[in-house]
Amino acid sequence: MLSPEEGRAKTLYKSKRKKRKNSRTLKSVEKAVRSLGKANNAYTSTYLKRHKKSNRKKKDGWLRDFNYNMHRAARKHAKVVKIPRAFHA
């Protein structure tokens, strides 16, 4: 918009879109790393929840149920992880 007194342009509207922080070539790599991070988070949170539950249920329950809890957490991890097509062999 031009102001009549000064003859300079004034900005009335700025786009809220932010500048991209990574290159297009690394987009798929970043997506894969983010996906693995989410999957690892699901793995650890699932294991810790099951560990606490086993410990509450019986004496040394975390040790007795260790293999089962690790297996269940690994299955949760496998469900969450998604590898982009760029990395498929």
C-alpha atoms as a PDB file:
ATOM      1  CA  MET A   1       0.000   0.000   0.000  1.00  0.00           C
ATOM      2  CA  LEU A   2       1.321   3.451  -0.798  1.00  0.00           C
ATOM      3  CA  SER A   3       0.858   6.275   1.647  1.00  0.00           C
ATOM      4  CA  PRO A   4      -0.109   9.583   0.005  1.00  0.00           C
ATOM      5  CA  GLU A   5       2.190  11.777   2.133  1.00  0.00           C
ATOM      6  CA  GLU A   6       5.456   9.896   1.967  1.00  0.00           C
ATOM      7  CA  GLY A   7       5.190   7.946  -1.288  1.00  0.00           C
ATOM      8  CA  ARG A   8       6.687   4.833   0.357  1.00  0.00           C
ATOM      9  CA  ALA A   9       5.226   1.364   0.443  1.00  0.00           C
ATOM     10  CA  LYS A  10       3.887  -0.023   3.715  1.00  0.00           C
ATOM     11  CA  THR A  11       3.495  -3.693   4.428  1.00  0.00           C
ATOM     12  CA  LEU A  12      -0.007  -4.540   5.536  1.00  0.00           C
ATOM     13  CA  TYR A  13       0.187  -8.306   5.398  1.00  0.00           C
ATOM     14  CA  LYS A  14       3.078 -10.703   5.980  1.00  0.00           C
ATOM     15  CA  SER A  15       2.861 -14.371   5.197  1.00  0.00           C
ATOM     16  CA  LYS A  16       3.032 -16.591   8.265  1.00  0.00           C
ATOM     17  CA  ARG A  17       4.827 -19.305   6.336  1.00  0.00           C
ATOM     18  CA  LYS A  18       8.286 -19.897   7.734  1.00  0.00           C
ATOM     19  CA  LYS A  19      11.417 -20.432   5.695  1.00  0.00           C
ATOM     20  CA  ARG A  20      12.364 -24.078   5.114  1.00  0.00           C
ATOM     21  CA  LYS A  21      15.200 -25.104   7.427  1.00  0.00           C
ATOM     22  CA  ASN A  22      16.507 -28.094   5.476  1.00  0.00           C
ATOM     23  CA  SER A  23      17.210 -28.891   1.864  1.00  0.00           C
ATOM     24  CA  ARG A  24      14.908 -30.884  -0.376  1.00  0.00           C
ATOM     25  CA  THR A  25      17.588 -33.502  -0.977  1.00  0.00           C
ATOM     26  CA  LEU A  26      17.693 -34.418   2.707  1.00  0.00           C
ATOM     27  CA  LYS A  27      13.921 -34.412   3.175  1.00  0.00           C
ATOM     28  CA  SER A  28      13.573 -38.213   2.999  1.00  0.00           C
ATOM     29  CA  VAL A  29      16.564 -38.739   5.304  1.00  0.00           C
ATOM     30  CA  GLU A  30      15.108 -36.334   7.856  1.00  0.00           C
ATOM     31  CA  LYS A  31      11.745 -38.084   7.616  1.00  0.00           C
ATOM     32  CA  ALA A  32      13.367 -41.488   8.241  1.00  0.00           C
ATOM     33  CA  VAL A  33      15.340 -40.211  11.231  1.00  0.00           C
ATOM     34  CA  ARG A  34      12.227 -38.593  12.718  1.00  0.00           C
ATOM     35  CA  SER A  35      10.294 -41.822  12.201  1.00  0.00           C
ATOM     36  CA  LEU A  36      13.004 -43.836  13.946  1.00  0.00           C
ATOM     37  CA  GLY A  37      12.991 -41.353  16.816  1.00  0.00           C
ATOM     38  CA  LYS A  38       9.237 -41.759  17.240  1.00  0.00           C
ATOM     39  CA  ALA A  39       9.590 -45.540  17.083  1.00  0.00           C
ATOM     40  CA  ASN A  40      12.339 -45.535  19.710  1.00  0.00           C
ATOM     41  CA  ASN A  41      10.167 -43.355  21.919  1.00  0.00           C
ATOM     42  CA  ALA A  42       7.315 -45.858  21.552  1.00  0.00           C
ATOM     43  CA  TYR A  43       9.729 -48.697  22.375  1.00  0.00           C
ATOM     44  CA  THR A  44      11.116 -47.131  25.542  1.00  0.00           C
ATOM     45  CA  SER A  45       7.800 -45.861  26.857  1.00  0.00           C
ATOM     46  CA  THR A  46       6.161 -49.258  26.265  1.00  0.00           C
ATOM     47  CA  TYR A  47       9.001 -51.105  27.966  1.00  0.00           C
ATOM     48  CA  LEU A  48       9.050 -48.763  30.966  1.00  0.00           C
ATOM     49  CA  LYS A  49       5.283 -49.039  31.426  1.00  0.00           C
ATOM     50  CA  ARG A  50       5.436 -52.848  31.320  1.00  0.00           C
ATOM     51  CA  HIS A  51       8.511 -52.863  33.609  1.00  0.00           C
ATOM     52  CA  LYS A  52       6.679 -50.845  36.280  1.00  0.00           C
ATOM     53  CA  LYS A  53       3.574 -53.023  35.967  1.00  0.00           C
ATOM     54  CA  SER A  54       5.625 -56.228  36.363  1.00  0.00           C
ATOM     55  CA  ASN A  55       7.377 -54.796  39.392  1.00  0.00           C
ATOM     56  CA  ARG A  56       4.073 -53.915  41.064  1.00  0.00           C
ATOM     57  CA  LYS A  57       2.600 -57.363  40.435  1.00  0.00           C
ATOM     58  CA  LYS A  58       5.263 -59.603  42.006  1.00  0.00           C
ATOM     59  CA  LYS A  59       8.640 -59.668  43.699  1.00  0.00           C
ATOM     60  CA  ASP A  60      11.441 -59.177  41.156  1.00  0.00           C
ATOM     61  CA  GLY A  61       8.696 -59.065  38.537  1.00  0.00           C
ATOM     62  CA  TRP A  62      10.731 -56.915  36.157  1.00  0.00           C
ATOM     63  CA  LEU A  63      13.375 -59.662  35.977  1.00  0.00           C
ATOM     64  CA  ARG A  64      10.883 -62.506  35.627  1.00  0.00           C
ATOM     65  CA  ASP A  65       9.000 -60.737  32.833  1.00  0.00           C
ATOM     66  CA  PHE A  66      12.069 -59.188  31.189  1.00  0.00           C
ATOM     67  CA  ASN A  67      12.010 -61.266  27.970  1.00  0.00           C
ATOM     68  CA  TYR A  68       8.265 -60.904  27.526  1.00  0.00           C
ATOM     69  CA  ASN A  69       8.345 -57.157  28.165  1.00  0.00           C
ATOM     70  CA  MET A  70      11.233 -56.656  25.727  1.00  0.00           C
ATOM     71  CA  HIS A  71       9.404 -58.714  23.103  1.00  0.00           C
ATOM     72  CA  ARG A  72       6.199 -56.685  23.478  1.00  0.00           C
ATOM     73  CA  ALA A  73       8.121 -53.395  23.308  1.00  0.00           C
ATOM     74  CA  ALA A  74       9.972 -54.579  20.182  1.00  0.00           C
ATOM     75  CA  ARG A  75       6.662 -55.433  18.508  1.00  0.00           C
ATOM     76  CA  LYS A  76       5.351 -51.956  19.303  1.00  0.00           C
ATOM     77  CA  HIS A  77       8.555 -50.489  17.823  1.00  0.00           C
ATOM     78  CA  ALA A  78       8.138 -52.514  14.626  1.00  0.00           C
ATOM     79  CA  LYS A  79       4.557 -51.298  14.200  1.00  0.00           C
ATOM     80  CA  VAL A  80       5.508 -47.641  14.577  1.00  0.00           C
ATOM     81  CA  VAL A  81       8.662 -47.533  12.419  1.00  0.00           C
ATOM     82  CA  LYS A  82       8.086 -46.638   8.771  1.00  0.00           C
ATOM     83  CA  ILE A  83      10.966 -46.395   6.337  1.00  0.00           C
ATOM     84  CA  PRO A  84      10.468 -44.120   3.295  1.00  0.00           C
ATOM     85  CA  ARG A  85      10.559 -45.687  -0.159  1.00  0.00           C
ATOM     86  CA  ALA A  86      13.889 -44.002  -0.936  1.00  0.00           C
ATOM     87  CA  PHE A  87      15.600 -46.432   1.455  1.00  0.00           C
ATOM     88  CA  HIS A  88      13.995 -49.675   0.269  1.00  0.00           C
ATOM     89  CA  ALA A  89      16.397 -51.997  -1.482  1.00  0.00           C
END
